Amino acid sequence: MQGERSINAFVTGGYAPRATDAATASITCGATLTSLFSKSGADALCAGLATVHLDGQKWETAIELNYRYQLGRYFYVSPDLQWILNPIGAPEGKHALATTLRLGFEL
């Protein structure tokens, strides 16, 4: 029901033998809290974690925080922040910070 505060969560995992895929294992999890700041249900706060192990590499992990706010019937704005630990291809011990701002339109 629109306007009610709710929380949804998920967890997934995967495994592939080295002979078939360079990504040998992955784990993802996250949660979404709706109607955090608005009584109308126009917003959602999402947090997640995704990690993947590539053959011969360390685990690459992304921790993400995202907020979505509905601007009227068709438009929304969604800032996103990601902290990436051990990005593949980066020098040892280097981490990355990624930010985006999505402006969306939905029919």
N, C-alpha and C. Protein backbone atom coordinates (compact mmCIF):
# COMPACT_ATOMS: atom_id res chain seq x y z
N MET A 1 0.84 -1.18 0.00
CA MET A 1 0.00 0.00 0.00
C MET A 1 0.88 1.24 0.00
N GLN A 2 0.56 2.21 -0.88
CA GLN A 2 1.38 3.40 -1.01
C GLN A 2 1.37 4.20 0.29
N GLY A 3 2.55 4.66 0.69
CA GLY A 3 2.66 5.47 1.88
C GLY A 3 3.05 4.70 3.12
N GLU A 4 2.90 3.40 3.11
CA GLU A 4 3.30 2.62 4.28
C GLU A 4 4.79 2.35 4.24
N ARG A 5 5.42 2.47 5.38
CA ARG A 5 6.85 2.16 5.47
C ARG A 5 7.02 0.66 5.34
N SER A 6 7.98 0.26 4.51
CA SER A 6 8.26 -1.17 4.35
C SER A 6 9.74 -1.37 4.12
N ILE A 7 10.19 -2.58 4.40
CA ILE A 7 11.58 -2.94 4.15
C ILE A 7 11.60 -4.25 3.37
N ASN A 8 12.45 -4.30 2.36
CA ASN A 8 12.62 -5.50 1.55
C ASN A 8 14.11 -5.82 1.52
N ALA A 9 14.46 -7.09 1.54
CA ALA A 9 15.87 -7.49 1.54
C ALA A 9 16.06 -8.68 0.62
N PHE A 10 17.32 -8.86 0.18
CA PHE A 10 17.65 -10.01 -0.67
C PHE A 10 19.09 -10.44 -0.42
N VAL A 11 19.36 -11.70 -0.72
CA VAL A 11 20.71 -12.27 -0.69
C VAL A 11 20.80 -13.25 -1.85
N THR A 12 21.88 -13.17 -2.62
CA THR A 12 22.12 -14.13 -3.69
C THR A 12 23.59 -14.54 -3.69
N GLY A 13 23.87 -15.65 -4.28
CA GLY A 13 25.25 -16.11 -4.40
C GLY A 13 25.41 -16.93 -5.66
N GLY A 14 26.65 -17.04 -6.11
CA GLY A 14 26.91 -17.83 -7.31
C GLY A 14 28.29 -18.43 -7.28
N TYR A 15 28.44 -19.52 -8.02
CA TYR A 15 29.72 -20.20 -8.14
C TYR A 15 29.84 -20.73 -9.56
N ALA A 16 31.04 -20.61 -10.14
CA ALA A 16 31.30 -21.18 -11.46
C ALA A 16 32.69 -21.81 -11.44
N PRO A 17 32.82 -23.00 -12.00
CA PRO A 17 34.15 -23.63 -12.08
C PRO A 17 35.10 -22.75 -12.90
N ARG A 18 36.36 -22.75 -12.55
CA ARG A 18 37.34 -21.92 -13.24
C ARG A 18 37.41 -22.21 -14.74
N ALA A 19 37.14 -23.41 -15.13
CA ALA A 19 37.23 -23.77 -16.55
C ALA A 19 36.13 -23.11 -17.39
N THR A 20 35.05 -22.66 -16.76
CA THR A 20 33.94 -22.12 -17.53
C THR A 20 33.78 -20.60 -17.43
N ASP A 21 34.38 -19.97 -16.41
CA ASP A 21 34.14 -18.55 -16.22
C ASP A 21 35.29 -17.92 -15.44
N ALA A 22 35.63 -16.68 -15.77
CA ALA A 22 36.69 -15.97 -15.04
C ALA A 22 36.21 -15.54 -13.65
N ALA A 23 34.92 -15.29 -13.52
CA ALA A 23 34.34 -14.95 -12.21
C ALA A 23 33.94 -16.25 -11.53
N THR A 24 34.69 -16.65 -10.52
CA THR A 24 34.47 -17.96 -9.92
C THR A 24 33.43 -17.97 -8.81
N ALA A 25 33.19 -16.81 -8.17
CA ALA A 25 32.20 -16.77 -7.09
C ALA A 25 31.69 -15.35 -6.92
N SER A 26 30.46 -15.23 -6.44
CA SER A 26 29.90 -13.90 -6.18
C SER A 26 28.87 -13.99 -5.06
N ILE A 27 28.74 -12.90 -4.36
CA ILE A 27 27.73 -12.78 -3.30
C ILE A 27 27.17 -11.35 -3.39
N THR A 28 25.86 -11.23 -3.34
CA THR A 28 25.23 -9.92 -3.30
C THR A 28 24.14 -9.93 -2.23
N CYS A 29 23.95 -8.79 -1.61
CA CYS A 29 22.86 -8.65 -0.65
C CYS A 29 22.49 -7.18 -0.57
N GLY A 30 21.29 -6.92 -0.12
CA GLY A 30 20.85 -5.54 0.00
C GLY A 30 19.50 -5.43 0.66
N ALA A 31 19.14 -4.18 0.93
CA ALA A 31 17.85 -3.89 1.55
C ALA A 31 17.35 -2.54 1.07
N THR A 32 16.03 -2.41 1.00
CA THR A 32 15.39 -1.16 0.60
C THR A 32 14.36 -0.79 1.65
N LEU A 33 14.40 0.45 2.08
CA LEU A 33 13.43 0.99 3.02
C LEU A 33 12.62 2.06 2.30
N THR A 34 11.32 1.85 2.15
CA THR A 34 10.48 2.83 1.47
C THR A 34 9.76 3.72 2.48
N SER A 35 9.37 4.89 2.02
CA SER A 35 8.67 5.88 2.84
C SER A 35 9.50 6.28 4.06
N LEU A 36 10.79 6.46 3.84
CA LEU A 36 11.68 6.83 4.93
C LEU A 36 11.42 8.26 5.40
N PHE A 37 11.35 9.19 4.45
CA PHE A 37 11.15 10.60 4.79
C PHE A 37 9.80 11.14 4.34
N SER A 38 9.14 10.48 3.40
CA SER A 38 7.86 10.98 2.90
C SER A 38 6.72 10.06 3.32
N LYS A 39 5.62 10.63 3.67
CA LYS A 39 4.45 9.83 4.05
C LYS A 39 3.72 9.28 2.84
N SER A 40 4.01 9.84 1.65
CA SER A 40 3.31 9.42 0.44
C SER A 40 3.94 8.20 -0.23
N GLY A 41 5.08 7.73 0.26
CA GLY A 41 5.75 6.61 -0.37
C GLY A 41 6.60 7.00 -1.56
N ALA A 42 6.94 8.29 -1.66
CA ALA A 42 7.67 8.81 -2.81
C ALA A 42 9.18 8.62 -2.71
N ASP A 43 9.66 8.00 -1.65
CA ASP A 43 11.11 7.86 -1.52
C ASP A 43 11.49 6.45 -1.08
N ALA A 44 12.76 6.11 -1.36
CA ALA A 44 13.30 4.81 -0.96
C ALA A 44 14.80 4.95 -0.73
N LEU A 45 15.28 4.37 0.35
CA LEU A 45 16.69 4.31 0.66
C LEU A 45 17.14 2.87 0.48
N CYS A 46 18.19 2.67 -0.31
CA CYS A 46 18.68 1.32 -0.61
C CYS A 46 20.14 1.20 -0.21
N ALA A 47 20.50 0.08 0.38
CA ALA A 47 21.90 -0.21 0.72
C ALA A 47 22.21 -1.61 0.21
N GLY A 48 23.41 -1.78 -0.31
CA GLY A 48 23.74 -3.09 -0.84
C GLY A 48 25.23 -3.37 -0.81
N LEU A 49 25.55 -4.62 -1.00
CA LEU A 49 26.92 -5.08 -1.07
C LEU A 49 27.00 -6.12 -2.17
N ALA A 50 27.99 -5.97 -3.03
CA ALA A 50 28.23 -6.96 -4.09
C ALA A 50 29.71 -7.28 -4.10
N THR A 51 30.03 -8.55 -4.12
CA THR A 51 31.43 -8.96 -4.15
C THR A 51 31.61 -10.09 -5.16
N VAL A 52 32.71 -10.05 -5.88
CA VAL A 52 32.99 -11.06 -6.90
C VAL A 52 34.46 -11.47 -6.80
N HIS A 53 34.72 -12.74 -7.03
CA HIS A 53 36.09 -13.25 -7.05
C HIS A 53 36.42 -13.63 -8.48
N LEU A 54 37.45 -12.99 -9.02
CA LEU A 54 37.89 -13.31 -10.37
C LEU A 54 39.10 -14.22 -10.29
N ASP A 55 39.14 -15.19 -11.17
CA ASP A 55 40.21 -16.19 -11.18
C ASP A 55 41.58 -15.51 -11.12
N GLY A 56 42.37 -15.88 -10.13
CA GLY A 56 43.71 -15.33 -9.99
C GLY A 56 43.77 -13.95 -9.36
N GLN A 57 42.66 -13.41 -8.93
CA GLN A 57 42.59 -12.07 -8.34
C GLN A 57 42.02 -12.16 -6.93
N LYS A 58 42.01 -11.02 -6.26
CA LYS A 58 41.34 -10.93 -4.96
C LYS A 58 39.86 -10.66 -5.17
N TRP A 59 39.13 -10.64 -4.08
CA TRP A 59 37.72 -10.28 -4.13
C TRP A 59 37.59 -8.79 -4.40
N GLU A 60 36.74 -8.40 -5.33
CA GLU A 60 36.37 -7.00 -5.54
C GLU A 60 35.01 -6.80 -4.89
N THR A 61 34.89 -5.79 -4.04
CA THR A 61 33.66 -5.58 -3.29
C THR A 61 33.17 -4.15 -3.46
N ALA A 62 31.90 -3.99 -3.71
CA ALA A 62 31.28 -2.67 -3.81
C ALA A 62 30.21 -2.54 -2.73
N ILE A 63 30.30 -1.48 -1.96
CA ILE A 63 29.30 -1.15 -0.95
C ILE A 63 28.55 0.07 -1.47
N GLU A 64 27.24 -0.04 -1.57
CA GLU A 64 26.47 1.00 -2.26
C GLU A 64 25.36 1.54 -1.37
N LEU A 65 25.15 2.84 -1.48
CA LEU A 65 24.04 3.52 -0.82
C LEU A 65 23.35 4.38 -1.87
N ASN A 66 22.04 4.21 -2.00
CA ASN A 66 21.28 4.87 -3.04
C ASN A 66 19.99 5.42 -2.44
N TYR A 67 19.58 6.59 -2.90
CA TYR A 67 18.32 7.18 -2.46
C TYR A 67 17.53 7.55 -3.70
N ARG A 68 16.25 7.30 -3.69
CA ARG A 68 15.40 7.63 -4.83
C ARG A 68 14.20 8.44 -4.33
N TYR A 69 13.95 9.55 -5.02
CA TYR A 69 12.80 10.38 -4.66
C TYR A 69 11.98 10.66 -5.92
N GLN A 70 10.71 10.37 -5.84
CA GLN A 70 9.79 10.57 -6.95
C GLN A 70 9.42 12.05 -7.04
N LEU A 71 9.64 12.64 -8.20
CA LEU A 71 9.31 14.05 -8.45
C LEU A 71 8.07 14.10 -9.34
N GLY A 72 6.94 14.07 -8.76
CA GLY A 72 5.71 14.04 -9.55
C GLY A 72 5.41 12.63 -10.04
N ARG A 73 4.53 12.58 -11.04
CA ARG A 73 4.06 11.28 -11.52
C ARG A 73 5.08 10.51 -12.36
N TYR A 74 5.89 11.20 -13.16
CA TYR A 74 6.74 10.53 -14.12
C TYR A 74 8.25 10.62 -13.85
N PHE A 75 8.70 11.58 -13.08
CA PHE A 75 10.13 11.84 -12.92
C PHE A 75 10.63 11.45 -11.53
N TYR A 76 11.90 11.08 -11.47
CA TYR A 76 12.53 10.80 -10.19
C TYR A 76 14.00 11.24 -10.23
N VAL A 77 14.57 11.44 -9.07
CA VAL A 77 15.99 11.74 -8.92
C VAL A 77 16.57 10.69 -7.99
N SER A 78 17.81 10.25 -8.29
CA SER A 78 18.39 9.16 -7.52
C SER A 78 19.92 9.33 -7.40
N PRO A 79 20.40 9.92 -6.31
CA PRO A 79 21.85 9.95 -6.09
C PRO A 79 22.33 8.59 -5.60
N ASP A 80 23.57 8.26 -5.96
CA ASP A 80 24.14 6.95 -5.64
C ASP A 80 25.60 7.13 -5.22
N LEU A 81 26.01 6.39 -4.21
CA LEU A 81 27.38 6.43 -3.72
C LEU A 81 27.89 5.00 -3.59
N GLN A 82 29.06 4.72 -4.17
CA GLN A 82 29.64 3.38 -4.10
C GLN A 82 31.09 3.46 -3.63
N TRP A 83 31.45 2.64 -2.66
CA TRP A 83 32.82 2.49 -2.19
C TRP A 83 33.27 1.13 -2.69
N ILE A 84 34.32 1.11 -3.53
CA ILE A 84 34.77 -0.13 -4.16
C ILE A 84 36.12 -0.53 -3.57
N LEU A 85 36.15 -1.70 -2.95
CA LEU A 85 37.36 -2.22 -2.33
C LEU A 85 38.06 -3.17 -3.29
N ASN A 86 39.34 -3.01 -3.45
CA ASN A 86 40.15 -3.85 -4.35
C ASN A 86 39.62 -3.89 -5.78
N PRO A 87 39.42 -2.72 -6.42
CA PRO A 87 38.93 -2.76 -7.80
C PRO A 87 39.92 -3.51 -8.69
N ILE A 88 39.41 -4.42 -9.49
CA ILE A 88 40.26 -5.19 -10.39
C ILE A 88 40.94 -4.22 -11.35
N GLY A 89 42.22 -4.36 -11.51
CA GLY A 89 42.97 -3.48 -12.40
C GLY A 89 43.62 -2.31 -11.69
N ALA A 90 43.26 -2.06 -10.44
CA ALA A 90 43.87 -0.97 -9.68
C ALA A 90 45.10 -1.51 -8.94
N PRO A 91 46.06 -0.63 -8.63
CA PRO A 91 47.22 -1.09 -7.85
C PRO A 91 46.79 -1.66 -6.50
N GLU A 92 47.58 -2.57 -5.98
CA GLU A 92 47.30 -3.22 -4.69
C GLU A 92 47.00 -2.19 -3.61
N GLY A 93 45.94 -2.42 -2.85
CA GLY A 93 45.60 -1.56 -1.73
C GLY A 93 44.84 -0.30 -2.10
N LYS A 94 44.60 -0.05 -3.38
CA LYS A 94 43.85 1.14 -3.80
C LYS A 94 42.36 0.82 -3.82
N HIS A 95 41.58 1.77 -3.38
CA HIS A 95 40.13 1.64 -3.41
C HIS A 95 39.56 2.78 -4.24
N ALA A 96 38.27 2.72 -4.56
CA ALA A 96 37.67 3.73 -5.41
C ALA A 96 36.35 4.20 -4.82
N LEU A 97 36.01 5.43 -5.10
CA LEU A 97 34.74 6.01 -4.72
C LEU A 97 34.04 6.44 -6.01
N ALA A 98 32.82 5.99 -6.19
CA ALA A 98 32.05 6.35 -7.39
C ALA A 98 30.74 6.98 -6.96
N THR A 99 30.38 8.07 -7.61
CA THR A 99 29.11 8.73 -7.33
C THR A 99 28.38 9.00 -8.64
N THR A 100 27.07 8.90 -8.60
CA THR A 100 26.25 9.24 -9.77
C THR A 100 25.00 9.97 -9.30
N LEU A 101 24.40 10.68 -10.22
CA LEU A 101 23.10 11.29 -9.98
C LEU A 101 22.23 10.96 -11.19
N ARG A 102 21.25 10.13 -10.98
CA ARG A 102 20.36 9.70 -12.05
C ARG A 102 19.08 10.53 -12.01
N LEU A 103 18.73 11.08 -13.16
CA LEU A 103 17.44 11.74 -13.34
C LEU A 103 16.64 10.84 -14.25
N GLY A 104 15.50 10.35 -13.78
CA GLY A 104 14.77 9.35 -14.52
C GLY A 104 13.37 9.78 -14.93
N PHE A 105 12.88 9.10 -15.94
CA PHE A 105 11.53 9.31 -16.47
C PHE A 105 10.90 7.94 -16.66
N GLU A 106 9.73 7.73 -16.10
CA GLU A 106 9.01 6.47 -16.25
C GLU A 106 7.57 6.73 -16.67
N LEU A 107 7.12 5.96 -17.61
CA LEU A 107 5.72 6.08 -18.06
C LEU A 107 4.83 5.20 -17.22
